[in-house]
Every structure is written in C-alpha cells, then in structure tokens.
Amino acid sequence: ATTAAAAATAEAATAAATAAATAATA
C-alpha cells in the first residue's frame, strides 16, 4: 500500500510539473 501510494504521489508530482511547464510554454 505504501509503495503504491508513494508511486502514485511521484506520478502526480511529475504530471503536475509537466502540466505547469506546458502551460508556461503555451
């Protein structure tokens, strides 16, 4: 459970960073 939560958290953080970078470029 903890490994899955940590993985989901890392994935969400990466997606948020990518979205922010994309928005800044747009």
PDB file of all heavy atoms in Angstrom:
ATOM      1  N   ALA A   1       0.827  -1.208   0.000  1.00  0.00           N
ATOM      2  CA  ALA A   1       0.000   0.000   0.000  1.00  0.00           C
ATOM      3  C   ALA A   1       0.859   1.255   0.000  1.00  0.00           C
ATOM      4  O   ALA A   1       0.598   2.213  -0.744  1.00  0.00           O
ATOM      5  CB  ALA A   1      -0.932  -0.002   1.211  1.00  0.00           C
ATOM      6  N   THR A   2       1.893   1.277   0.837  1.00  0.00           N
ATOM      7  CA  THR A   2       2.747   2.456   0.936  1.00  0.00           C
ATOM      8  C   THR A   2       3.555   2.656  -0.335  1.00  0.00           C
ATOM      9  O   THR A   2       3.721   3.789  -0.805  1.00  0.00           O
ATOM     10  CB  THR A   2       3.688   2.337   2.149  1.00  0.00           C
ATOM     11  OG1 THR A   2       2.923   2.008   3.310  1.00  0.00           O
ATOM     12  CG2 THR A   2       4.424   3.640   2.399  1.00  0.00           C
ATOM     13  N   THR A   3       4.053   1.564  -0.904  1.00  0.00           N
ATOM     14  CA  THR A   3       4.794   1.663  -2.160  1.00  0.00           C
ATOM     15  C   THR A   3       3.899   2.201  -3.270  1.00  0.00           C
ATOM     16  O   THR A   3       4.307   3.063  -4.056  1.00  0.00           O
ATOM     17  CB  THR A   3       5.349   0.285  -2.563  1.00  0.00           C
ATOM     18  OG1 THR A   3       6.253  -0.170  -1.551  1.00  0.00           O
ATOM     19  CG2 THR A   3       6.080   0.353  -3.897  1.00  0.00           C
ATOM     20  N   ALA A   4       2.651   1.705  -3.322  1.00  0.00           N
ATOM     21  CA  ALA A   4       1.708   2.181  -4.337  1.00  0.00           C
ATOM     22  C   ALA A   4       1.378   3.655  -4.124  1.00  0.00           C
ATOM     23  O   ALA A   4       1.285   4.430  -5.078  1.00  0.00           O
ATOM     24  CB  ALA A   4       0.432   1.340  -4.303  1.00  0.00           C
ATOM     25  N   ALA A   5       1.210   4.066  -2.853  1.00  0.00           N
ATOM     26  CA  ALA A   5       0.909   5.471  -2.555  1.00  0.00           C
ATOM     27  C   ALA A   5       2.074   6.368  -2.940  1.00  0.00           C
ATOM     28  O   ALA A   5       1.889   7.455  -3.512  1.00  0.00           O
ATOM     29  CB  ALA A   5       0.578   5.632  -1.075  1.00  0.00           C
ATOM     30  N   ALA A   6       3.290   5.934  -2.624  1.00  0.00           N
ATOM     31  CA  ALA A   6       4.474   6.726  -2.967  1.00  0.00           C
ATOM     32  C   ALA A   6       4.622   6.841  -4.481  1.00  0.00           C
ATOM     33  O   ALA A   6       4.958   7.913  -5.009  1.00  0.00           O
ATOM     34  CB  ALA A   6       5.715   6.086  -2.351  1.00  0.00           C
ATOM     35  N   ALA A   7       4.349   5.736  -5.191  1.00  0.00           N
ATOM     36  CA  ALA A   7       4.443   5.757  -6.653  1.00  0.00           C
ATOM     37  C   ALA A   7       3.394   6.683  -7.259  1.00  0.00           C
ATOM     38  O   ALA A   7       3.675   7.448  -8.190  1.00  0.00           O
ATOM     39  CB  ALA A   7       4.286   4.342  -7.200  1.00  0.00           C
ATOM     40  N   ALA A   8       2.161   6.622  -6.722  1.00  0.00           N
ATOM     41  CA  ALA A   8       1.091   7.484  -7.220  1.00  0.00           C
ATOM     42  C   ALA A   8       1.410   8.951  -6.954  1.00  0.00           C
ATOM     43  O   ALA A   8       1.136   9.828  -7.779  1.00  0.00           O
ATOM     44  CB  ALA A   8      -0.236   7.100  -6.565  1.00  0.00           C
ATOM     45  N   THR A   9       2.000   9.219  -5.795  1.00  0.00           N
ATOM     46  CA  THR A   9       2.376  10.586  -5.444  1.00  0.00           C
ATOM     47  C   THR A   9       3.454  11.112  -6.382  1.00  0.00           C
ATOM     48  O   THR A   9       3.380  12.240  -6.870  1.00  0.00           O
ATOM     49  CB  THR A   9       2.885  10.631  -3.989  1.00  0.00           C
ATOM     50  OG1 THR A   9       1.817  10.241  -3.116  1.00  0.00           O
ATOM     51  CG2 THR A   9       3.353  12.016  -3.616  1.00  0.00           C
ATOM     52  N   ALA A  10       4.453  10.274  -6.650  1.00  0.00           N
ATOM     53  CA  ALA A  10       5.526  10.683  -7.558  1.00  0.00           C
ATOM     54  C   ALA A  10       4.991  10.920  -8.965  1.00  0.00           C
ATOM     55  O   ALA A  10       5.375  11.877  -9.643  1.00  0.00           O
ATOM     56  CB  ALA A  10       6.611   9.610  -7.574  1.00  0.00           C
ATOM     57  N   GLU A  11       4.078  10.042  -9.410  1.00  0.00           N
ATOM     58  CA  GLU A  11       3.487  10.194 -10.741  1.00  0.00           C
ATOM     59  C   GLU A  11       2.682  11.486 -10.838  1.00  0.00           C
ATOM     60  O   GLU A  11       2.751  12.203 -11.839  1.00  0.00           O
ATOM     61  CB  GLU A  11       2.591   9.001 -11.047  1.00  0.00           C
ATOM     62  CG  GLU A  11       1.977   9.018 -12.439  1.00  0.00           C
ATOM     63  CD  GLU A  11       1.103   7.813 -12.711  1.00  0.00           C
ATOM     64  OE1 GLU A  11       1.143   6.861 -11.912  1.00  0.00           O
ATOM     65  OE2 GLU A  11       0.386   7.817 -13.723  1.00  0.00           O
ATOM     66  N   ALA A  12       1.918  11.793  -9.769  1.00  0.00           N
ATOM     67  CA  ALA A  12       1.116  13.018  -9.763  1.00  0.00           C
ATOM     68  C   ALA A  12       2.014  14.250  -9.782  1.00  0.00           C
ATOM     69  O   ALA A  12       1.722  15.241 -10.462  1.00  0.00           O
ATOM     70  CB  ALA A  12       0.217  13.041  -8.534  1.00  0.00           C
ATOM     71  N   ALA A  13       3.109  14.204  -9.034  1.00  0.00           N
ATOM     72  CA  ALA A  13       4.037  15.337  -8.997  1.00  0.00           C
ATOM     73  C   ALA A  13       4.671  15.563 -10.363  1.00  0.00           C
ATOM     74  O   ALA A  13       4.816  16.701 -10.824  1.00  0.00           O
ATOM     75  CB  ALA A  13       5.115  15.088  -7.946  1.00  0.00           C
ATOM     76  N   THR A  14       5.030  14.482 -11.042  1.00  0.00           N
ATOM     77  CA  THR A  14       5.624  14.590 -12.374  1.00  0.00           C
ATOM     78  C   THR A  14       4.618  15.162 -13.368  1.00  0.00           C
ATOM     79  O   THR A  14       4.946  16.029 -14.183  1.00  0.00           O
ATOM     80  CB  THR A  14       6.095  13.210 -12.864  1.00  0.00           C
ATOM     81  OG1 THR A  14       7.068  12.700 -11.942  1.00  0.00           O
ATOM     82  CG2 THR A  14       6.703  13.298 -14.251  1.00  0.00           C
ATOM     83  N   ALA A  15       3.362  14.673 -13.278  1.00  0.00           N
ATOM     84  CA  ALA A  15       2.319  15.168 -14.180  1.00  0.00           C
ATOM     85  C   ALA A  15       2.051  16.645 -13.949  1.00  0.00           C
ATOM     86  O   ALA A  15       1.864  17.418 -14.891  1.00  0.00           O
ATOM     87  CB  ALA A  15       1.038  14.359 -13.984  1.00  0.00           C
ATOM     88  N   ALA A  16       2.046  17.068 -12.663  1.00  0.00           N
ATOM     89  CA  ALA A  16       1.808  18.475 -12.347  1.00  0.00           C
ATOM     90  C   ALA A  16       2.928  19.357 -12.878  1.00  0.00           C
ATOM     91  O   ALA A  16       2.694  20.444 -13.416  1.00  0.00           O
ATOM     92  CB  ALA A  16       1.671  18.650 -10.835  1.00  0.00           C
ATOM     93  N   ALA A  17       4.171  18.884 -12.736  1.00  0.00           N
ATOM     94  CA  ALA A  17       5.308  19.652 -13.230  1.00  0.00           C
ATOM     95  C   ALA A  17       5.270  19.776 -14.749  1.00  0.00           C
ATOM     96  O   ALA A  17       5.540  20.839 -15.315  1.00  0.00           O
ATOM     97  CB  ALA A  17       6.606  18.992 -12.777  1.00  0.00           C
ATOM     98  N   THR A  18       4.892  18.678 -15.415  1.00  0.00           N
ATOM     99  CA  THR A  18       4.793  18.697 -16.879  1.00  0.00           C
ATOM    100  C   THR A  18       3.690  19.639 -17.338  1.00  0.00           C
ATOM    101  O   THR A  18       3.863  20.402 -18.290  1.00  0.00           O
ATOM    102  CB  THR A  18       4.505  17.274 -17.405  1.00  0.00           C
ATOM    103  OG1 THR A  18       5.552  16.405 -16.980  1.00  0.00           O
ATOM    104  CG2 THR A  18       4.416  17.261 -18.917  1.00  0.00           C
ATOM    105  N   ALA A  19       2.542  19.594 -16.633  1.00  0.00           N
ATOM    106  CA  ALA A  19       1.424  20.473 -16.986  1.00  0.00           C
ATOM    107  C   ALA A  19       1.804  21.935 -16.797  1.00  0.00           C
ATOM    108  O   ALA A  19       1.458  22.800 -17.607  1.00  0.00           O
ATOM    109  CB  ALA A  19       0.201  20.127 -16.148  1.00  0.00           C
ATOM    110  N   ALA A  20       2.516  22.230 -15.703  1.00  0.00           N
ATOM    111  CA  ALA A  20       2.929  23.607 -15.441  1.00  0.00           C
ATOM    112  C   ALA A  20       3.885  24.094 -16.518  1.00  0.00           C
ATOM    113  O   ALA A  20       3.783  25.229 -17.003  1.00  0.00           O
ATOM    114  CB  ALA A  20       3.593  23.697 -14.069  1.00  0.00           C
ATOM    115  N   ALA A  21       4.823  23.229 -16.931  1.00  0.00           N
ATOM    116  CA  ALA A  21       5.777  23.610 -17.975  1.00  0.00           C
ATOM    117  C   ALA A  21       5.066  23.824 -19.306  1.00  0.00           C
ATOM    118  O   ALA A  21       5.354  24.767 -20.044  1.00  0.00           O
ATOM    119  CB  ALA A  21       6.842  22.529 -18.111  1.00  0.00           C
ATOM    120  N   THR A  22       4.093  22.945 -19.598  1.00  0.00           N
ATOM    121  CA  THR A  22       3.328  23.080 -20.836  1.00  0.00           C
ATOM    122  C   THR A  22       2.516  24.360 -20.842  1.00  0.00           C
ATOM    123  O   THR A  22       2.442  25.068 -21.850  1.00  0.00           O
ATOM    124  CB  THR A  22       2.391  21.874 -21.010  1.00  0.00           C
ATOM    125  OG1 THR A  22       3.171  20.679 -21.007  1.00  0.00           O
ATOM    126  CG2 THR A  22       1.609  21.973 -22.318  1.00  0.00           C
ATOM    127  N   ALA A  23       1.892  24.680 -19.711  1.00  0.00           N
ATOM    128  CA  ALA A  23       1.087  25.897 -19.612  1.00  0.00           C
ATOM    129  C   ALA A  23       1.959  27.130 -19.793  1.00  0.00           C
ATOM    130  O   ALA A  23       1.576  28.103 -20.452  1.00  0.00           O
ATOM    131  CB  ALA A  23       0.380  25.946 -18.262  1.00  0.00           C
ATOM    132  N   ALA A  24       3.164  27.110 -19.195  1.00  0.00           N
ATOM    133  CA  ALA A  24       4.065  28.253 -19.321  1.00  0.00           C
ATOM    134  C   ALA A  24       4.479  28.455 -20.763  1.00  0.00           C
ATOM    135  O   ALA A  24       4.567  29.583 -21.259  1.00  0.00           O
ATOM    136  CB  ALA A  24       5.293  28.039 -18.440  1.00  0.00           C
ATOM    137  N   THR A  25       4.724  27.366 -21.485  1.00  0.00           N
ATOM    138  CA  THR A  25       5.105  27.457 -22.894  1.00  0.00           C
ATOM    139  C   THR A  25       3.943  27.957 -23.731  1.00  0.00           C
ATOM    140  O   THR A  25       4.110  28.788 -24.627  1.00  0.00           O
ATOM    141  CB  THR A  25       5.558  26.081 -23.414  1.00  0.00           C
ATOM    142  OG1 THR A  25       6.643  25.616 -22.608  1.00  0.00           O
ATOM    143  CG2 THR A  25       6.004  26.166 -24.875  1.00  0.00           C
ATOM    144  N   ALA A  26       2.740  27.470 -23.414  1.00  0.00           N
ATOM    145  CA  ALA A  26       1.553  27.848 -24.193  1.00  0.00           C
ATOM    146  C   ALA A  26       1.270  29.336 -24.095  1.00  0.00           C
ATOM    147  O   ALA A  26       0.775  29.952 -25.034  1.00  0.00           O
ATOM    148  CB  ALA A  26       0.346  27.058 -23.717  1.00  0.00           C
TER     149      ALA A  26
END
